[in-house]
Amino acid sequence: NAMNPGIGDAGELWFASQLPIDWVWQPPRRDVGKDGLIVIKDGTDLHNHEFSVQIKATRRPHFDKGTVRCSSIPTASVMYWLSSPQPTLVVVVDIANKRGWYSWHLDLFASSGDITGKQTCSVRLPIRNTLDAEGWARIRERLRDHYLTLHRAPPFPQQGSVAHDSHLLKGDSLQRFINYRLHVAIERPAQSPLAPPRYS
């Protein structure tokens, strides 16, 4: 999208048009790894909660074995997502056919080998995760679980800690995430997601 900002802008506009009523799109003043922030102002139990979004737009999505591929993601961006307690929704938008797919960032990495030592990485989003009425309902449920877990957690958990980040994970994804965070912290301390992100 950096090579063709017109496609990126079209993807963001389409995504913003699909948001539930009173979910407010806030683009950043400067793109440092997230395309926007969604603030929920709908008067429900999610009122005033928020999450980040990273959008990859294309005219020709690549499908493979029940997934849609999202490529050329800067590894620095992924490390930024992992360092934040705020969930990031990764979205692929097919602007030619006006459709999209999503996944939470912590569901996308099977092991540290997916990104370690690379400048960019690719991920595969399940095509069952469509941005339609059913998809938004699932997004609501994951956010509800996320914030319910935060509210029940001990006060003032360390930002970036496993206890603070792992509530979006299910089943085996939780163990993979714990293994990944421990690997990076021990083997590559200078790039540990536990440290604040640095930008050049």
N, C-alpha and C. Protein backbone atom coordinates (compact mmCIF):
# COMPACT_ATOMS: atom_id res chain seq x y z
N ASN A 1 0.81 -1.21 0.00
CA ASN A 1 0.00 0.00 0.00
C ASN A 1 0.85 1.26 0.00
N ALA A 2 2.06 1.18 0.58
CA ALA A 2 2.94 2.33 0.55
C ALA A 2 3.34 2.67 -0.87
N MET A 3 3.42 1.63 -1.75
CA MET A 3 3.77 1.86 -3.14
C MET A 3 2.59 2.43 -3.92
N ASN A 4 1.39 2.22 -3.46
CA ASN A 4 0.20 2.72 -4.14
C ASN A 4 -0.78 3.22 -3.09
N PRO A 5 -0.58 4.47 -2.63
CA PRO A 5 -1.44 4.97 -1.55
C PRO A 5 -2.91 5.04 -1.93
N GLY A 6 -3.21 5.10 -3.23
CA GLY A 6 -4.61 5.13 -3.65
C GLY A 6 -5.34 3.86 -3.25
N ILE A 7 -4.68 2.72 -3.42
CA ILE A 7 -5.28 1.44 -3.02
C ILE A 7 -5.45 1.40 -1.51
N GLY A 8 -4.43 1.84 -0.77
CA GLY A 8 -4.52 1.86 0.68
C GLY A 8 -5.65 2.73 1.18
N ASP A 9 -5.79 3.91 0.59
CA ASP A 9 -6.87 4.82 0.99
C ASP A 9 -8.24 4.20 0.69
N ALA A 10 -8.36 3.55 -0.46
CA ALA A 10 -9.64 2.91 -0.82
C ALA A 10 -9.98 1.81 0.17
N GLY A 11 -8.96 1.05 0.58
CA GLY A 11 -9.21 -0.01 1.56
C GLY A 11 -9.65 0.54 2.89
N GLU A 12 -9.03 1.61 3.34
CA GLU A 12 -9.41 2.21 4.62
C GLU A 12 -10.82 2.80 4.56
N LEU A 13 -11.15 3.44 3.45
CA LEU A 13 -12.49 4.01 3.30
C LEU A 13 -13.55 2.92 3.31
N TRP A 14 -13.27 1.80 2.61
CA TRP A 14 -14.24 0.70 2.60
C TRP A 14 -14.40 0.14 4.00
N PHE A 15 -13.29 -0.09 4.69
CA PHE A 15 -13.36 -0.63 6.04
C PHE A 15 -14.17 0.29 6.95
N ALA A 16 -13.88 1.58 6.91
CA ALA A 16 -14.60 2.53 7.76
C ALA A 16 -16.10 2.51 7.48
N SER A 17 -16.46 2.29 6.20
CA SER A 17 -17.88 2.26 5.84
C SER A 17 -18.60 1.03 6.36
N GLN A 18 -17.84 -0.01 6.73
CA GLN A 18 -18.44 -1.25 7.21
C GLN A 18 -18.56 -1.32 8.72
N LEU A 19 -18.01 -0.35 9.42
CA LEU A 19 -18.05 -0.39 10.88
C LEU A 19 -19.48 -0.35 11.41
N PRO A 20 -19.74 -1.03 12.51
CA PRO A 20 -21.06 -0.92 13.14
C PRO A 20 -21.37 0.54 13.51
N ILE A 21 -22.63 0.82 13.66
CA ILE A 21 -23.05 2.18 14.02
C ILE A 21 -22.41 2.59 15.34
N ASP A 22 -21.88 3.81 15.34
CA ASP A 22 -21.25 4.41 16.53
C ASP A 22 -19.92 3.75 16.91
N TRP A 23 -19.30 3.05 15.95
CA TRP A 23 -17.90 2.65 16.10
C TRP A 23 -17.11 3.67 15.29
N VAL A 24 -16.28 4.45 15.94
CA VAL A 24 -15.67 5.63 15.33
C VAL A 24 -14.26 5.33 14.84
N TRP A 25 -14.02 5.61 13.57
CA TRP A 25 -12.70 5.42 12.95
C TRP A 25 -11.85 6.66 13.18
N GLN A 26 -10.66 6.47 13.74
CA GLN A 26 -9.74 7.57 13.97
C GLN A 26 -8.39 7.23 13.32
N PRO A 27 -8.10 7.80 12.15
CA PRO A 27 -6.79 7.55 11.52
C PRO A 27 -5.69 8.24 12.30
N PRO A 28 -4.48 7.69 12.28
CA PRO A 28 -3.38 8.30 13.04
C PRO A 28 -2.83 9.52 12.32
N ARG A 29 -2.19 10.40 13.07
CA ARG A 29 -1.50 11.52 12.44
C ARG A 29 -0.26 11.05 11.70
N ARG A 30 0.31 9.95 12.17
CA ARG A 30 1.50 9.38 11.56
C ARG A 30 1.39 7.87 11.63
N ASP A 31 1.60 7.19 10.49
CA ASP A 31 1.50 5.74 10.45
C ASP A 31 2.80 5.12 10.90
N VAL A 32 2.79 4.51 12.08
CA VAL A 32 3.98 3.84 12.61
C VAL A 32 3.72 2.36 12.83
N GLY A 33 2.78 1.80 12.08
CA GLY A 33 2.51 0.38 12.19
C GLY A 33 1.06 0.03 12.41
N LYS A 34 0.23 1.05 12.57
CA LYS A 34 -1.21 0.84 12.69
C LYS A 34 -1.91 1.90 11.86
N ASP A 35 -2.96 1.48 11.14
CA ASP A 35 -3.64 2.40 10.24
C ASP A 35 -4.72 3.22 10.92
N GLY A 36 -5.17 2.79 12.07
CA GLY A 36 -6.22 3.54 12.72
C GLY A 36 -6.61 2.96 14.07
N LEU A 37 -7.44 3.71 14.75
CA LEU A 37 -7.97 3.31 16.05
C LEU A 37 -9.49 3.33 15.95
N ILE A 38 -10.13 2.30 16.47
CA ILE A 38 -11.59 2.25 16.52
C ILE A 38 -12.02 2.49 17.95
N VAL A 39 -12.82 3.51 18.15
CA VAL A 39 -13.36 3.84 19.47
C VAL A 39 -14.86 3.52 19.45
N ILE A 40 -15.29 2.70 20.37
CA ILE A 40 -16.69 2.26 20.42
C ILE A 40 -17.49 3.23 21.28
N LYS A 41 -18.50 3.86 20.67
CA LYS A 41 -19.32 4.84 21.37
C LYS A 41 -20.80 4.52 21.18
N ASP A 42 -21.15 3.23 21.37
CA ASP A 42 -22.49 2.78 21.03
C ASP A 42 -23.42 2.59 22.23
N GLY A 43 -22.95 2.94 23.43
CA GLY A 43 -23.80 2.83 24.60
C GLY A 43 -23.96 1.43 25.14
N THR A 44 -23.25 0.45 24.56
CA THR A 44 -23.32 -0.93 25.05
C THR A 44 -22.27 -1.14 26.14
N ASP A 45 -22.08 -2.40 26.55
CA ASP A 45 -21.06 -2.69 27.55
C ASP A 45 -19.64 -2.47 27.01
N LEU A 46 -19.50 -2.28 25.69
CA LEU A 46 -18.20 -1.97 25.10
C LEU A 46 -17.98 -0.47 24.91
N HIS A 47 -18.91 0.33 25.38
CA HIS A 47 -18.81 1.79 25.21
C HIS A 47 -17.49 2.32 25.77
N ASN A 48 -16.82 3.16 24.98
CA ASN A 48 -15.54 3.80 25.32
C ASN A 48 -14.34 2.86 25.24
N HIS A 49 -14.53 1.60 24.83
CA HIS A 49 -13.40 0.72 24.61
C HIS A 49 -12.89 0.91 23.18
N GLU A 50 -11.67 0.46 22.94
CA GLU A 50 -11.05 0.72 21.65
C GLU A 50 -10.09 -0.40 21.26
N PHE A 51 -9.77 -0.42 19.96
CA PHE A 51 -8.78 -1.36 19.44
C PHE A 51 -8.15 -0.76 18.19
N SER A 52 -6.97 -1.28 17.84
CA SER A 52 -6.25 -0.78 16.68
C SER A 52 -6.55 -1.63 15.45
N VAL A 53 -6.25 -1.07 14.27
CA VAL A 53 -6.50 -1.76 13.01
C VAL A 53 -5.30 -1.56 12.08
N GLN A 54 -4.91 -2.65 11.42
CA GLN A 54 -3.93 -2.59 10.34
C GLN A 54 -4.60 -3.16 9.09
N ILE A 55 -4.65 -2.37 8.02
CA ILE A 55 -5.38 -2.75 6.82
C ILE A 55 -4.44 -2.91 5.64
N LYS A 56 -4.57 -4.03 4.94
CA LYS A 56 -3.86 -4.27 3.70
C LYS A 56 -4.89 -4.40 2.58
N ALA A 57 -4.83 -3.49 1.63
CA ALA A 57 -5.80 -3.49 0.54
C ALA A 57 -5.17 -4.01 -0.74
N THR A 58 -5.96 -4.69 -1.56
CA THR A 58 -5.47 -5.27 -2.80
C THR A 58 -6.61 -5.36 -3.81
N ARG A 59 -6.25 -5.38 -5.10
CA ARG A 59 -7.24 -5.65 -6.14
C ARG A 59 -7.31 -7.13 -6.48
N ARG A 60 -6.25 -7.88 -6.07
CA ARG A 60 -6.19 -9.30 -6.39
C ARG A 60 -5.76 -10.09 -5.17
N PRO A 61 -6.67 -10.42 -4.29
CA PRO A 61 -6.30 -11.20 -3.11
C PRO A 61 -5.82 -12.59 -3.50
N HIS A 62 -4.85 -13.09 -2.76
CA HIS A 62 -4.29 -14.42 -3.02
C HIS A 62 -4.88 -15.42 -2.02
N PHE A 63 -5.60 -16.42 -2.54
CA PHE A 63 -6.25 -17.41 -1.69
C PHE A 63 -5.47 -18.73 -1.75
N ASP A 64 -5.40 -19.40 -0.61
CA ASP A 64 -4.70 -20.68 -0.55
C ASP A 64 -5.18 -21.48 0.65
N LYS A 65 -5.77 -22.62 0.40
CA LYS A 65 -6.16 -23.57 1.44
C LYS A 65 -7.00 -22.92 2.54
N GLY A 66 -8.04 -22.23 2.14
CA GLY A 66 -8.96 -21.66 3.10
C GLY A 66 -8.48 -20.38 3.76
N THR A 67 -7.44 -19.76 3.20
CA THR A 67 -6.91 -18.53 3.77
C THR A 67 -6.72 -17.49 2.67
N VAL A 68 -6.58 -16.24 3.09
CA VAL A 68 -6.19 -15.17 2.19
C VAL A 68 -4.88 -14.61 2.71
N ARG A 69 -3.93 -14.42 1.82
CA ARG A 69 -2.57 -14.04 2.22
C ARG A 69 -2.44 -12.53 2.37
N CYS A 70 -1.74 -12.15 3.41
CA CYS A 70 -1.41 -10.74 3.66
C CYS A 70 0.11 -10.67 3.73
N SER A 71 0.76 -10.06 2.73
CA SER A 71 2.21 -10.10 2.62
C SER A 71 2.84 -8.73 2.83
N SER A 72 4.17 -8.76 2.93
CA SER A 72 4.99 -7.54 3.06
C SER A 72 4.63 -6.71 4.29
N ILE A 73 4.38 -7.39 5.40
CA ILE A 73 4.15 -6.69 6.66
C ILE A 73 5.51 -6.44 7.32
N PRO A 74 5.88 -5.21 7.61
CA PRO A 74 7.16 -4.96 8.27
C PRO A 74 7.23 -5.67 9.63
N THR A 75 8.33 -6.36 9.86
CA THR A 75 8.50 -7.04 11.14
C THR A 75 8.45 -6.06 12.30
N ALA A 76 8.95 -4.84 12.07
CA ALA A 76 8.90 -3.81 13.11
C ALA A 76 7.46 -3.52 13.53
N SER A 77 6.54 -3.57 12.56
CA SER A 77 5.13 -3.34 12.88
C SER A 77 4.59 -4.45 13.76
N VAL A 78 4.96 -5.70 13.43
CA VAL A 78 4.49 -6.83 14.23
C VAL A 78 5.01 -6.72 15.66
N MET A 79 6.29 -6.35 15.82
CA MET A 79 6.85 -6.19 17.14
C MET A 79 6.13 -5.08 17.91
N TYR A 80 5.73 -4.06 17.20
CA TYR A 80 4.95 -2.96 17.80
C TYR A 80 3.62 -3.48 18.30
N TRP A 81 2.93 -4.29 17.49
CA TRP A 81 1.65 -4.86 17.92
C TRP A 81 1.83 -5.70 19.16
N LEU A 82 2.88 -6.54 19.16
CA LEU A 82 3.09 -7.44 20.28
C LEU A 82 3.48 -6.71 21.56
N SER A 83 4.06 -5.53 21.42
CA SER A 83 4.49 -4.78 22.61
C SER A 83 3.33 -4.05 23.27
N SER A 84 2.20 -3.95 22.57
CA SER A 84 1.08 -3.17 23.08
C SER A 84 0.02 -4.06 23.73
N PRO A 85 -0.56 -3.61 24.84
CA PRO A 85 -1.66 -4.36 25.45
C PRO A 85 -2.97 -4.21 24.68
N GLN A 86 -2.98 -3.29 23.72
CA GLN A 86 -4.19 -3.04 22.95
C GLN A 86 -4.28 -4.03 21.78
N PRO A 87 -5.42 -4.67 21.58
CA PRO A 87 -5.52 -5.63 20.48
C PRO A 87 -5.50 -4.93 19.13
N THR A 88 -4.89 -5.59 18.14
CA THR A 88 -4.85 -5.07 16.78
C THR A 88 -5.57 -6.03 15.85
N LEU A 89 -6.51 -5.49 15.10
CA LEU A 89 -7.25 -6.27 14.11
C LEU A 89 -6.54 -6.11 12.77
N VAL A 90 -6.05 -7.22 12.21
CA VAL A 90 -5.40 -7.20 10.91
C VAL A 90 -6.45 -7.52 9.85
N VAL A 91 -6.52 -6.68 8.82
CA VAL A 91 -7.60 -6.77 7.84
C VAL A 91 -7.02 -6.79 6.43
N VAL A 92 -7.55 -7.66 5.59
CA VAL A 92 -7.27 -7.64 4.15
C VAL A 92 -8.55 -7.21 3.45
N VAL A 93 -8.43 -6.21 2.59
CA VAL A 93 -9.60 -5.70 1.86
C VAL A 93 -9.41 -5.93 0.36
N ASP A 94 -10.37 -6.58 -0.26
CA ASP A 94 -10.43 -6.75 -1.71
C ASP A 94 -11.25 -5.59 -2.25
N ILE A 95 -10.55 -4.55 -2.72
CA ILE A 95 -11.28 -3.35 -3.12
C ILE A 95 -12.03 -3.54 -4.43
N ALA A 96 -11.60 -4.51 -5.26
CA ALA A 96 -12.29 -4.75 -6.53
C ALA A 96 -13.68 -5.31 -6.30
N ASN A 97 -13.82 -6.17 -5.29
CA ASN A 97 -15.10 -6.83 -5.03
C ASN A 97 -15.75 -6.37 -3.73
N LYS A 98 -15.13 -5.38 -3.09
CA LYS A 98 -15.68 -4.76 -1.87
C LYS A 98 -16.04 -5.82 -0.82
N ARG A 99 -14.99 -6.49 -0.35
CA ARG A 99 -15.14 -7.49 0.70
C ARG A 99 -13.85 -7.51 1.52
N GLY A 100 -13.93 -8.07 2.71
CA GLY A 100 -12.75 -8.07 3.56
C GLY A 100 -12.74 -9.24 4.53
N TRP A 101 -11.54 -9.51 5.06
CA TRP A 101 -11.32 -10.58 6.03
C TRP A 101 -10.47 -10.04 7.17
N TYR A 102 -10.54 -10.68 8.32
CA TYR A 102 -9.83 -10.15 9.49
C TYR A 102 -9.25 -11.28 10.33
N SER A 103 -8.31 -10.91 11.20
CA SER A 103 -7.83 -11.79 12.25
C SER A 103 -7.17 -10.92 13.31
N TRP A 104 -7.20 -11.35 14.56
CA TRP A 104 -6.49 -10.64 15.62
C TRP A 104 -5.00 -10.96 15.51
N HIS A 105 -4.17 -9.98 15.80
CA HIS A 105 -2.74 -10.14 15.55
C HIS A 105 -2.13 -11.30 16.32
N LEU A 106 -2.62 -11.60 17.51
CA LEU A 106 -2.03 -12.68 18.30
C LEU A 106 -2.44 -14.07 17.81
N ASP A 107 -3.36 -14.13 16.87
CA ASP A 107 -3.77 -15.41 16.31
C ASP A 107 -2.96 -15.79 15.06
N LEU A 108 -2.05 -14.92 14.63
CA LEU A 108 -1.44 -15.07 13.32
C LEU A 108 -0.05 -15.68 13.30
N PHE A 109 0.59 -15.86 14.46
CA PHE A 109 1.98 -16.27 14.46
C PHE A 109 2.13 -17.60 15.19
N ALA A 110 2.51 -18.65 14.44
CA ALA A 110 2.61 -19.99 15.01
C ALA A 110 3.87 -20.16 15.84
N SER A 111 4.94 -19.43 15.52
CA SER A 111 6.18 -19.54 16.28
C SER A 111 7.03 -18.32 16.02
N SER A 112 8.10 -18.16 16.81
CA SER A 112 8.98 -17.01 16.63
C SER A 112 9.68 -17.07 15.28
N GLY A 113 9.81 -18.27 14.69
CA GLY A 113 10.44 -18.39 13.40
C GLY A 113 9.69 -17.70 12.28
N ASP A 114 8.43 -17.36 12.53
CA ASP A 114 7.64 -16.67 11.52
C ASP A 114 8.18 -15.29 11.21
N ILE A 115 8.84 -14.64 12.17
CA ILE A 115 9.29 -13.27 11.95
C ILE A 115 10.73 -13.02 12.34
N THR A 116 11.35 -13.89 13.13
CA THR A 116 12.70 -13.65 13.60
C THR A 116 13.68 -13.57 12.43
N GLY A 117 14.49 -12.50 12.41
CA GLY A 117 15.51 -12.34 11.39
C GLY A 117 15.01 -11.88 10.04
N LYS A 118 13.76 -11.46 9.95
CA LYS A 118 13.19 -11.02 8.68
C LYS A 118 12.83 -9.54 8.73
N GLN A 119 12.95 -8.88 7.59
CA GLN A 119 12.53 -7.49 7.49
C GLN A 119 11.02 -7.36 7.34
N THR A 120 10.43 -8.32 6.63
CA THR A 120 8.98 -8.34 6.44
C THR A 120 8.49 -9.77 6.64
N CYS A 121 7.20 -9.93 6.79
CA CYS A 121 6.63 -11.26 6.95
C CYS A 121 5.25 -11.30 6.28
N SER A 122 4.75 -12.49 6.12
CA SER A 122 3.42 -12.71 5.55
C SER A 122 2.58 -13.51 6.52
N VAL A 123 1.29 -13.27 6.49
CA VAL A 123 0.36 -14.02 7.32
C VAL A 123 -0.82 -14.46 6.47
N ARG A 124 -1.55 -15.43 6.98
CA ARG A 124 -2.73 -15.94 6.27
C ARG A 124 -3.95 -15.81 7.17
N LEU A 125 -4.93 -15.10 6.68
CA LEU A 125 -6.16 -14.89 7.42
C LEU A 125 -7.21 -15.91 6.97
N PRO A 126 -7.92 -16.54 7.89
CA PRO A 126 -8.96 -17.50 7.50
C PRO A 126 -10.06 -16.80 6.70
N ILE A 127 -10.43 -17.38 5.56
CA ILE A 127 -11.46 -16.74 4.75
C ILE A 127 -12.83 -16.84 5.41
N ARG A 128 -12.96 -17.68 6.44
CA ARG A 128 -14.23 -17.72 7.18
C ARG A 128 -14.41 -16.45 8.01
N ASN A 129 -13.32 -15.72 8.26
CA ASN A 129 -13.40 -14.48 9.06
C ASN A 129 -13.75 -13.30 8.16
N THR A 130 -14.97 -13.29 7.67
CA THR A 130 -15.40 -12.23 6.76
C THR A 130 -15.93 -11.03 7.54
N LEU A 131 -15.73 -9.86 6.96
CA LEU A 131 -16.23 -8.64 7.59
C LEU A 131 -17.67 -8.41 7.14
N ASP A 132 -18.56 -9.17 7.76
CA ASP A 132 -19.99 -9.03 7.53
C ASP A 132 -20.68 -9.00 8.89
N ALA A 133 -21.99 -9.08 8.92
CA ALA A 133 -22.70 -8.98 10.19
C ALA A 133 -22.25 -10.04 11.18
N GLU A 134 -22.05 -11.27 10.70
CA GLU A 134 -21.59 -12.35 11.57
C GLU A 134 -20.17 -12.09 12.06
N GLY A 135 -19.34 -11.59 11.17
CA GLY A 135 -17.97 -11.29 11.55
C GLY A 135 -17.88 -10.21 12.61
N TRP A 136 -18.66 -9.16 12.46
CA TRP A 136 -18.65 -8.10 13.47
C TRP A 136 -19.18 -8.61 14.80
N ALA A 137 -20.12 -9.54 14.77
CA ALA A 137 -20.61 -10.12 16.02
C ALA A 137 -19.50 -10.89 16.72
N ARG A 138 -18.68 -11.63 15.94
CA ARG A 138 -17.56 -12.35 16.54
C ARG A 138 -16.51 -11.39 17.08
N ILE A 139 -16.28 -10.30 16.36
CA ILE A 139 -15.33 -9.29 16.84
C ILE A 139 -15.80 -8.71 18.16
N ARG A 140 -17.09 -8.44 18.27
CA ARG A 140 -17.64 -7.94 19.53
C ARG A 140 -17.38 -8.92 20.68
N GLU A 141 -17.60 -10.19 20.42
CA GLU A 141 -17.43 -11.18 21.48
C GLU A 141 -15.97 -11.28 21.92
N ARG A 142 -15.05 -11.24 20.97
CA ARG A 142 -13.64 -11.29 21.34
C ARG A 142 -13.24 -10.06 22.14
N LEU A 143 -13.74 -8.90 21.75
CA LEU A 143 -13.44 -7.68 22.50
C LEU A 143 -14.04 -7.74 23.90
N ARG A 144 -15.25 -8.27 23.98
CA ARG A 144 -15.90 -8.39 25.29
C ARG A 144 -15.08 -9.31 26.20
N ASP A 145 -14.62 -10.44 25.67
CA ASP A 145 -13.77 -11.34 26.46
C ASP A 145 -12.47 -10.65 26.85
N HIS A 146 -11.89 -9.92 25.92
CA HIS A 146 -10.63 -9.21 26.16
C HIS A 146 -10.76 -8.26 27.35
N TYR A 147 -11.75 -7.39 27.30
CA TYR A 147 -11.87 -6.38 28.35
C TYR A 147 -12.41 -6.95 29.66
N LEU A 148 -13.22 -7.99 29.58
CA LEU A 148 -13.67 -8.65 30.80
C LEU A 148 -12.48 -9.26 31.53
N THR A 149 -11.57 -9.86 30.78
CA THR A 149 -10.36 -10.43 31.38
C THR A 149 -9.50 -9.33 32.00
N LEU A 150 -9.37 -8.22 31.31
CA LEU A 150 -8.59 -7.10 31.86
C LEU A 150 -9.18 -6.60 33.16
N HIS A 151 -10.49 -6.47 33.20
CA HIS A 151 -11.14 -5.95 34.40
C HIS A 151 -11.02 -6.90 35.59
N ARG A 152 -10.90 -8.20 35.28
CA ARG A 152 -10.77 -9.18 36.36
C ARG A 152 -9.33 -9.43 36.77
N ALA A 153 -8.39 -8.89 35.99
CA ALA A 153 -6.98 -9.13 36.27
C ALA A 153 -6.55 -8.39 37.52
N PRO A 154 -5.44 -8.81 38.16
CA PRO A 154 -4.91 -8.06 39.30
C PRO A 154 -4.60 -6.63 38.88
N PRO A 155 -4.68 -5.68 39.80
CA PRO A 155 -4.47 -4.28 39.45
C PRO A 155 -3.06 -4.03 38.93
N PHE A 156 -2.97 -3.12 37.95
CA PHE A 156 -1.71 -2.63 37.41
C PHE A 156 -0.78 -3.74 36.92
N PRO A 157 -1.25 -4.63 36.01
CA PRO A 157 -0.33 -5.61 35.43
C PRO A 157 0.71 -4.89 34.60
N GLN A 158 1.89 -5.47 34.52
CA GLN A 158 2.97 -4.85 33.77
C GLN A 158 2.59 -4.77 32.31
N GLN A 159 2.71 -3.57 31.72
CA GLN A 159 2.39 -3.41 30.31
C GLN A 159 3.30 -4.28 29.46
N GLY A 160 2.68 -5.01 28.52
CA GLY A 160 3.44 -5.89 27.67
C GLY A 160 3.66 -7.27 28.25
N SER A 161 3.16 -7.53 29.46
CA SER A 161 3.37 -8.83 30.07
C SER A 161 2.43 -9.85 29.45
N VAL A 162 2.76 -11.13 29.61
CA VAL A 162 1.90 -12.17 29.08
C VAL A 162 0.51 -12.09 29.69
N ALA A 163 0.43 -11.81 31.00
CA ALA A 163 -0.86 -11.72 31.67
C ALA A 163 -1.71 -10.61 31.08
N HIS A 164 -1.04 -9.57 30.56
CA HIS A 164 -1.76 -8.43 30.04
C HIS A 164 -2.20 -8.62 28.61
N ASP A 165 -1.42 -9.44 27.86
CA ASP A 165 -1.67 -9.56 26.43
C ASP A 165 -2.43 -10.82 26.03
N SER A 166 -2.44 -11.85 26.85
CA SER A 166 -2.82 -13.17 26.36
C SER A 166 -4.32 -13.42 26.33
N HIS A 167 -5.16 -12.47 26.72
CA HIS A 167 -6.58 -12.74 26.82
C HIS A 167 -7.27 -12.88 25.47
N LEU A 168 -6.60 -12.49 24.36
CA LEU A 168 -7.21 -12.69 23.06
C LEU A 168 -6.90 -14.08 22.49
N LEU A 169 -6.13 -14.86 23.21
CA LEU A 169 -5.69 -16.14 22.70
C LEU A 169 -6.61 -17.27 23.15
N LYS A 170 -6.73 -18.26 22.29
CA LYS A 170 -7.54 -19.43 22.58
C LYS A 170 -6.69 -20.69 22.41
N GLY A 171 -6.81 -21.64 23.30
CA GLY A 171 -6.20 -22.96 23.14
C GLY A 171 -4.71 -22.92 22.89
N ASP A 172 -4.29 -23.60 21.81
CA ASP A 172 -2.87 -23.72 21.49
C ASP A 172 -2.23 -22.38 21.19
N SER A 173 -3.01 -21.39 20.74
CA SER A 173 -2.44 -20.08 20.43
C SER A 173 -1.80 -19.46 21.67
N LEU A 174 -2.37 -19.71 22.83
CA LEU A 174 -1.82 -19.14 24.06
C LEU A 174 -0.41 -19.67 24.31
N GLN A 175 -0.23 -21.00 24.20
CA GLN A 175 1.09 -21.57 24.45
C GLN A 175 2.09 -21.10 23.41
N ARG A 176 1.66 -20.99 22.14
CA ARG A 176 2.57 -20.51 21.10
C ARG A 176 3.01 -19.09 21.40
N PHE A 177 2.08 -18.27 21.86
CA PHE A 177 2.42 -16.88 22.17
C PHE A 177 3.39 -16.80 23.34
N ILE A 178 3.16 -17.57 24.39
CA ILE A 178 4.06 -17.57 25.54
C ILE A 178 5.46 -18.01 25.11
N ASN A 179 5.53 -19.09 24.30
CA ASN A 179 6.82 -19.56 23.83
C ASN A 179 7.53 -18.51 23.01
N TYR A 180 6.77 -17.84 22.16
CA TYR A 180 7.37 -16.80 21.32
C TYR A 180 7.93 -15.65 22.15
N ARG A 181 7.13 -15.15 23.10
CA ARG A 181 7.59 -14.01 23.90
C ARG A 181 8.82 -14.37 24.71
N LEU A 182 8.87 -15.58 25.26
CA LEU A 182 10.05 -16.00 26.02
C LEU A 182 11.26 -16.11 25.12
N HIS A 183 11.08 -16.64 23.90
CA HIS A 183 12.20 -16.77 22.97
C HIS A 183 12.79 -15.41 22.64
N VAL A 184 11.94 -14.45 22.30
CA VAL A 184 12.44 -13.13 21.91
C VAL A 184 13.13 -12.45 23.08
N ALA A 185 12.53 -12.55 24.26
CA ALA A 185 13.10 -11.88 25.43
C ALA A 185 14.46 -12.43 25.79
N ILE A 186 14.66 -13.76 25.58
CA ILE A 186 15.91 -14.40 25.98
C ILE A 186 16.96 -14.32 24.87
N GLU A 187 16.54 -14.65 23.64
CA GLU A 187 17.49 -14.77 22.54
C GLU A 187 17.79 -13.45 21.85
N ARG A 188 16.83 -12.52 21.82
CA ARG A 188 17.02 -11.26 21.11
C ARG A 188 16.57 -10.11 21.99
N PRO A 189 17.26 -9.88 23.12
CA PRO A 189 16.78 -8.87 24.07
C PRO A 189 16.70 -7.47 23.48
N ALA A 190 17.55 -7.14 22.52
CA ALA A 190 17.52 -5.80 21.96
C ALA A 190 16.25 -5.55 21.16
N GLN A 191 15.60 -6.64 20.70
CA GLN A 191 14.38 -6.50 19.93
C GLN A 191 13.19 -7.07 20.68
N SER A 192 13.31 -7.22 21.98
CA SER A 192 12.24 -7.82 22.76
C SER A 192 10.96 -6.99 22.68
N PRO A 193 9.81 -7.63 22.45
CA PRO A 193 8.55 -6.88 22.44
C PRO A 193 8.19 -6.35 23.81
N LEU A 194 8.92 -6.76 24.85
CA LEU A 194 8.66 -6.21 26.17
C LEU A 194 9.22 -4.80 26.30
N ALA A 195 10.12 -4.43 25.40
CA ALA A 195 10.70 -3.09 25.44
C ALA A 195 9.85 -2.14 24.61
N PRO A 196 9.87 -0.83 24.91
CA PRO A 196 9.12 0.13 24.11
C PRO A 196 9.61 0.11 22.66
N PRO A 197 8.71 0.26 21.68
CA PRO A 197 9.12 0.27 20.28
C PRO A 197 9.99 1.48 19.99
N ARG A 198 10.95 1.29 19.06
CA ARG A 198 11.81 2.39 18.66
C ARG A 198 11.67 2.61 17.17
N TYR A 199 11.66 3.85 16.74
CA TYR A 199 11.50 4.19 15.34
C TYR A 199 12.68 5.01 14.88
N SER A 200 13.16 4.75 13.68
CA SER A 200 14.27 5.51 13.12
C SER A 200 13.75 6.62 12.23
